[in-house]
Amino acid sequence: MGLLARLALIGALAGCFQPTELDGVLHCGEGGSCPEGFACGADGLCWRPGSEPIDASDAPLPAIDAAADAVAPDAFIPQCSNGIDDDCDGKIDRAGGDPGCSSNTDDDERGTKECDDGIDNDVDGYRDYVAPGCGTAIGDPQCDKADDDDEH
């Protein structure tokens, strides 16, 4: 058999080959979405029709993929649960007692007190309390802590 005939035979066989290594490996996306030709199974994984295991205990264990488990770079994390003192008041998130956080899903660490509201209430060129060592910002000298309610 000549080289051209061998290549044609290999091409024909490859056209019939349907790999199954992706069955049960890909997690279903939002709303149960899967790549074309796959369907979301009861186990939350993408399967080709007819290849899904009868019950989840038959499913292969997914490979550990730290990158897949990591938070996507464009994922939204609210200020009150991101582990950063976004308003420089010396308190980190709701868990750290930030007075501006009403819940973990709150996306604004600013509070309602004059020394934590993000406003220069006394119009002296400085706004709010700034914790020592929090960047290069200079806080209002009239504010001793974020809970103070008077910048004057």
C-alpha atoms as a PDB file:
ATOM      1  CA  MET A   1       0.000   0.000   0.000  1.00  0.00           C
ATOM      2  CA  GLY A   2       1.403   3.358  -1.025  1.00  0.00           C
ATOM      3  CA  LEU A   3       1.925   6.322   1.258  1.00  0.00           C
ATOM      4  CA  LEU A   4      -1.073   8.188  -0.171  1.00  0.00           C
ATOM      5  CA  ALA A   5      -3.343   5.187   0.358  1.00  0.00           C
ATOM      6  CA  ARG A   6      -2.106   4.784   3.951  1.00  0.00           C
ATOM      7  CA  LEU A   7      -2.776   8.442   4.706  1.00  0.00           C
ATOM      8  CA  ALA A   8      -6.282   8.157   3.218  1.00  0.00           C
ATOM      9  CA  LEU A   9      -6.985   5.059   5.345  1.00  0.00           C
ATOM     10  CA  ILE A  10      -5.704   6.777   8.498  1.00  0.00           C
ATOM     11  CA  GLY A  11      -7.848   9.835   7.714  1.00  0.00           C
ATOM     12  CA  ALA A  12     -10.936   7.689   7.195  1.00  0.00           C
ATOM     13  CA  LEU A  13     -10.368   5.791  10.443  1.00  0.00           C
ATOM     14  CA  ALA A  14      -9.731   9.027  12.323  1.00  0.00           C
ATOM     15  CA  GLY A  15     -13.045  10.398  11.048  1.00  0.00           C
ATOM     16  CA  CYS A  16     -14.849   7.475  12.703  1.00  0.00           C
ATOM     17  CA  PHE A  17     -12.887   7.755  15.937  1.00  0.00           C
ATOM     18  CA  GLN A  18     -14.764   9.534  18.714  1.00  0.00           C
ATOM     19  CA  PRO A  19     -12.562   9.928  21.764  1.00  0.00           C
ATOM     20  CA  THR A  20     -14.254   9.527  25.140  1.00  0.00           C
ATOM     21  CA  GLU A  21     -11.487  10.961  27.304  1.00  0.00           C
ATOM     22  CA  LEU A  22     -13.547  14.112  27.827  1.00  0.00           C
ATOM     23  CA  ASP A  23     -16.630  12.247  29.047  1.00  0.00           C
ATOM     24  CA  GLY A  24     -17.176  13.081  32.712  1.00  0.00           C
ATOM     25  CA  VAL A  25     -14.137  15.377  32.912  1.00  0.00           C
ATOM     26  CA  LEU A  26     -15.553  18.807  32.079  1.00  0.00           C
ATOM     27  CA  HIS A  27     -17.788  20.486  34.646  1.00  0.00           C
ATOM     28  CA  CYS A  28     -21.105  21.827  33.397  1.00  0.00           C
ATOM     29  CA  GLY A  29     -21.145  25.578  32.972  1.00  0.00           C
ATOM     30  CA  GLU A  30     -23.722  28.121  34.073  1.00  0.00           C
ATOM     31  CA  GLY A  31     -27.244  26.879  33.474  1.00  0.00           C
ATOM     32  CA  GLY A  32     -25.984  23.348  32.687  1.00  0.00           C
ATOM     33  CA  SER A  33     -24.071  24.371  29.568  1.00  0.00           C
ATOM     34  CA  CYS A  34     -21.557  21.982  27.986  1.00  0.00           C
ATOM     35  CA  PRO A  35     -19.521  21.956  24.759  1.00  0.00           C
ATOM     36  CA  GLU A  36     -21.315  21.011  21.548  1.00  0.00           C
ATOM     37  CA  GLY A  37     -22.086  17.290  21.467  1.00  0.00           C
ATOM     38  CA  PHE A  38     -22.126  17.013  25.272  1.00  0.00           C
ATOM     39  CA  ALA A  39     -24.947  17.246  27.805  1.00  0.00           C
ATOM     40  CA  CYS A  40     -24.832  18.096  31.494  1.00  0.00           C
ATOM     41  CA  GLY A  41     -25.226  14.934  33.569  1.00  0.00           C
ATOM     42  CA  ALA A  42     -26.802  14.486  36.996  1.00  0.00           C
ATOM     43  CA  ASP A  43     -23.295  14.527  38.471  1.00  0.00           C
ATOM     44  CA  GLY A  44     -22.665  18.067  37.166  1.00  0.00           C
ATOM     45  CA  LEU A  45     -20.213  16.869  34.506  1.00  0.00           C
ATOM     46  CA  CYS A  46     -20.447  16.991  30.693  1.00  0.00           C
ATOM     47  CA  TRP A  47     -21.107  13.675  28.918  1.00  0.00           C
ATOM     48  CA  ARG A  48     -21.739  12.589  25.354  1.00  0.00           C
ATOM     49  CA  PRO A  49     -25.307  11.264  25.018  1.00  0.00           C
ATOM     50  CA  GLY A  50     -25.464   7.644  26.165  1.00  0.00           C
ATOM     51  CA  SER A  51     -22.092   7.693  27.927  1.00  0.00           C
ATOM     52  CA  GLU A  52     -23.159   9.146  31.297  1.00  0.00           C
ATOM     53  CA  PRO A  53     -22.713   6.679  34.181  1.00  0.00           C
ATOM     54  CA  ILE A  54     -25.883   5.148  35.601  1.00  0.00           C
ATOM     55  CA  ASP A  55     -25.289   6.833  38.941  1.00  0.00           C
ATOM     56  CA  ALA A  56     -22.784   9.348  40.226  1.00  0.00           C
ATOM     57  CA  SER A  57     -20.799   6.658  42.091  1.00  0.00           C
ATOM     58  CA  ASP A  58     -19.774   5.239  38.687  1.00  0.00           C
ATOM     59  CA  ALA A  59     -18.380   8.574  37.543  1.00  0.00           C
ATOM     60  CA  PRO A  60     -14.609   8.926  37.382  1.00  0.00           C
ATOM     61  CA  LEU A  61     -13.040  11.175  39.964  1.00  0.00           C
ATOM     62  CA  PRO A  62     -12.211  14.526  38.384  1.00  0.00           C
ATOM     63  CA  ALA A  63      -8.581  15.445  38.041  1.00  0.00           C
ATOM     64  CA  ILE A  64      -7.379  17.996  40.579  1.00  0.00           C
ATOM     65  CA  ASP A  65      -6.876  21.240  38.742  1.00  0.00           C
ATOM     66  CA  ALA A  66      -5.848  24.150  40.955  1.00  0.00           C
ATOM     67  CA  ALA A  67      -6.292  26.582  38.079  1.00  0.00           C
ATOM     68  CA  ALA A  68      -9.915  25.534  37.588  1.00  0.00           C
ATOM     69  CA  ASP A  69     -10.625  25.937  41.306  1.00  0.00           C
ATOM     70  CA  ALA A  70      -9.036  29.382  41.465  1.00  0.00           C
ATOM     71  CA  VAL A  71     -11.197  32.488  41.301  1.00  0.00           C
ATOM     72  CA  ALA A  72     -11.355  33.796  37.760  1.00  0.00           C
ATOM     73  CA  PRO A  73      -9.451  37.077  37.345  1.00  0.00           C
ATOM     74  CA  ASP A  74     -12.626  38.882  36.344  1.00  0.00           C
ATOM     75  CA  ALA A  75     -14.742  37.380  39.132  1.00  0.00           C
ATOM     76  CA  PHE A  76     -16.518  39.962  41.295  1.00  0.00           C
ATOM     77  CA  ILE A  77     -15.586  39.958  44.980  1.00  0.00           C
ATOM     78  CA  PRO A  78     -17.352  42.610  47.085  1.00  0.00           C
ATOM     79  CA  GLN A  79     -15.158  45.028  49.050  1.00  0.00           C
ATOM     80  CA  CYS A  80     -16.558  43.766  52.359  1.00  0.00           C
ATOM     81  CA  SER A  81     -15.259  40.217  51.768  1.00  0.00           C
ATOM     82  CA  ASN A  82     -12.133  40.648  49.597  1.00  0.00           C
ATOM     83  CA  GLY A  83      -9.536  40.592  52.406  1.00  0.00           C
ATOM     84  CA  ILE A  84      -8.414  44.191  51.730  1.00  0.00           C
ATOM     85  CA  ASP A  85      -8.850  47.327  53.825  1.00  0.00           C
ATOM     86  CA  ASP A  86     -10.284  49.220  50.845  1.00  0.00           C
ATOM     87  CA  ASP A  87     -11.105  52.403  52.780  1.00  0.00           C
ATOM     88  CA  CYS A  88      -7.908  52.453  54.913  1.00  0.00           C
ATOM     89  CA  ASP A  89      -9.800  52.632  58.200  1.00  0.00           C
ATOM     90  CA  GLY A  90      -7.713  49.906  59.840  1.00  0.00           C
ATOM     91  CA  LYS A  91     -10.543  47.351  59.654  1.00  0.00           C
ATOM     92  CA  ILE A  92     -10.590  44.593  57.043  1.00  0.00           C
ATOM     93  CA  ASP A  93     -13.989  43.613  55.731  1.00  0.00           C
ATOM     94  CA  ARG A  94     -17.105  42.774  57.699  1.00  0.00           C
ATOM     95  CA  ALA A  95     -15.350  39.914  59.503  1.00  0.00           C
ATOM     96  CA  GLY A  96     -12.731  42.409  60.735  1.00  0.00           C
ATOM     97  CA  GLY A  97     -15.354  44.791  62.083  1.00  0.00           C
ATOM     98  CA  ASP A  98     -15.262  47.433  59.327  1.00  0.00           C
ATOM     99  CA  PRO A  99     -18.053  49.830  60.363  1.00  0.00           C
ATOM    100  CA  GLY A 100     -18.929  50.499  56.703  1.00  0.00           C
ATOM    101  CA  CYS A 101     -19.755  46.863  55.935  1.00  0.00           C
ATOM    102  CA  SER A 102     -23.382  45.892  56.428  1.00  0.00           C
ATOM    103  CA  SER A 103     -22.856  42.383  54.988  1.00  0.00           C
ATOM    104  CA  ASN A 104     -20.236  40.264  53.199  1.00  0.00           C
ATOM    105  CA  THR A 105     -21.866  41.183  49.878  1.00  0.00           C
ATOM    106  CA  ASP A 106     -21.639  44.941  50.537  1.00  0.00           C
ATOM    107  CA  ASP A 107     -19.364  46.480  47.878  1.00  0.00           C
ATOM    108  CA  ASP A 108     -18.586  49.710  49.718  1.00  0.00           C
ATOM    109  CA  GLU A 109     -16.548  49.796  52.934  1.00  0.00           C
ATOM    110  CA  ARG A 110     -17.419  53.437  53.560  1.00  0.00           C
ATOM    111  CA  GLY A 111     -19.643  53.995  56.563  1.00  0.00           C
ATOM    112  CA  THR A 112     -22.106  56.652  57.653  1.00  0.00           C
ATOM    113  CA  LYS A 113     -19.945  58.404  60.276  1.00  0.00           C
ATOM    114  CA  GLU A 114     -18.196  61.621  59.155  1.00  0.00           C
ATOM    115  CA  CYS A 115     -14.750  60.060  59.635  1.00  0.00           C
ATOM    116  CA  ASP A 116     -15.621  57.054  57.417  1.00  0.00           C
ATOM    117  CA  ASP A 117     -18.032  58.356  54.747  1.00  0.00           C
ATOM    118  CA  GLY A 118     -15.526  59.294  52.006  1.00  0.00           C
ATOM    119  CA  ILE A 119     -16.464  62.987  52.205  1.00  0.00           C
ATOM    120  CA  ASP A 120     -14.375  65.963  53.373  1.00  0.00           C
ATOM    121  CA  ASN A 121     -17.179  67.117  55.678  1.00  0.00           C
ATOM    122  CA  ASP A 122     -15.244  70.008  57.257  1.00  0.00           C
ATOM    123  CA  VAL A 123     -13.728  71.120  53.931  1.00  0.00           C
ATOM    124  CA  ASP A 124     -10.173  71.213  55.267  1.00  0.00           C
ATOM    125  CA  GLY A 125      -8.636  69.251  52.388  1.00  0.00           C
ATOM    126  CA  TYR A 126      -8.597  65.950  54.268  1.00  0.00           C
ATOM    127  CA  ARG A 127     -11.276  63.318  54.377  1.00  0.00           C
ATOM    128  CA  ASP A 128     -11.863  60.572  56.872  1.00  0.00           C
ATOM    129  CA  TYR A 129      -9.662  58.605  59.200  1.00  0.00           C
ATOM    130  CA  VAL A 130      -6.699  56.790  57.643  1.00  0.00           C
ATOM    131  CA  ALA A 131      -5.044  54.018  59.639  1.00  0.00           C
ATOM    132  CA  PRO A 132      -1.282  54.301  60.157  1.00  0.00           C
ATOM    133  CA  GLY A 133       0.673  52.498  57.446  1.00  0.00           C
ATOM    134  CA  CYS A 134      -2.224  52.381  54.985  1.00  0.00           C
ATOM    135  CA  GLY A 135      -0.611  53.601  51.785  1.00  0.00           C
ATOM    136  CA  THR A 136       0.356  57.214  51.276  1.00  0.00           C
ATOM    137  CA  ALA A 137      -3.042  58.733  52.050  1.00  0.00           C
ATOM    138  CA  ILE A 138      -3.158  61.389  54.780  1.00  0.00           C
ATOM    139  CA  GLY A 139      -6.251  61.243  56.950  1.00  0.00           C
ATOM    140  CA  ASP A 140      -8.198  64.085  58.511  1.00  0.00           C
ATOM    141  CA  PRO A 141      -6.314  65.130  61.675  1.00  0.00           C
ATOM    142  CA  GLN A 142      -9.691  65.658  63.404  1.00  0.00           C
ATOM    143  CA  CYS A 143     -10.508  61.932  63.086  1.00  0.00           C
ATOM    144  CA  ASP A 144      -9.037  59.605  65.699  1.00  0.00           C
ATOM    145  CA  LYS A 145     -10.849  56.521  64.360  1.00  0.00           C
ATOM    146  CA  ALA A 146     -13.358  55.586  61.670  1.00  0.00           C
ATOM    147  CA  ASP A 147     -16.186  55.519  64.222  1.00  0.00           C
ATOM    148  CA  ASP A 148     -15.785  59.271  64.952  1.00  0.00           C
ATOM    149  CA  ASP A 149     -18.803  61.231  63.757  1.00  0.00           C
ATOM    150  CA  ASP A 150     -17.247  64.693  63.686  1.00  0.00           C
ATOM    151  CA  GLU A 151     -14.475  65.917  61.365  1.00  0.00           C
ATOM    152  CA  HIS A 152     -14.589  69.390  62.947  1.00  0.00           C
END
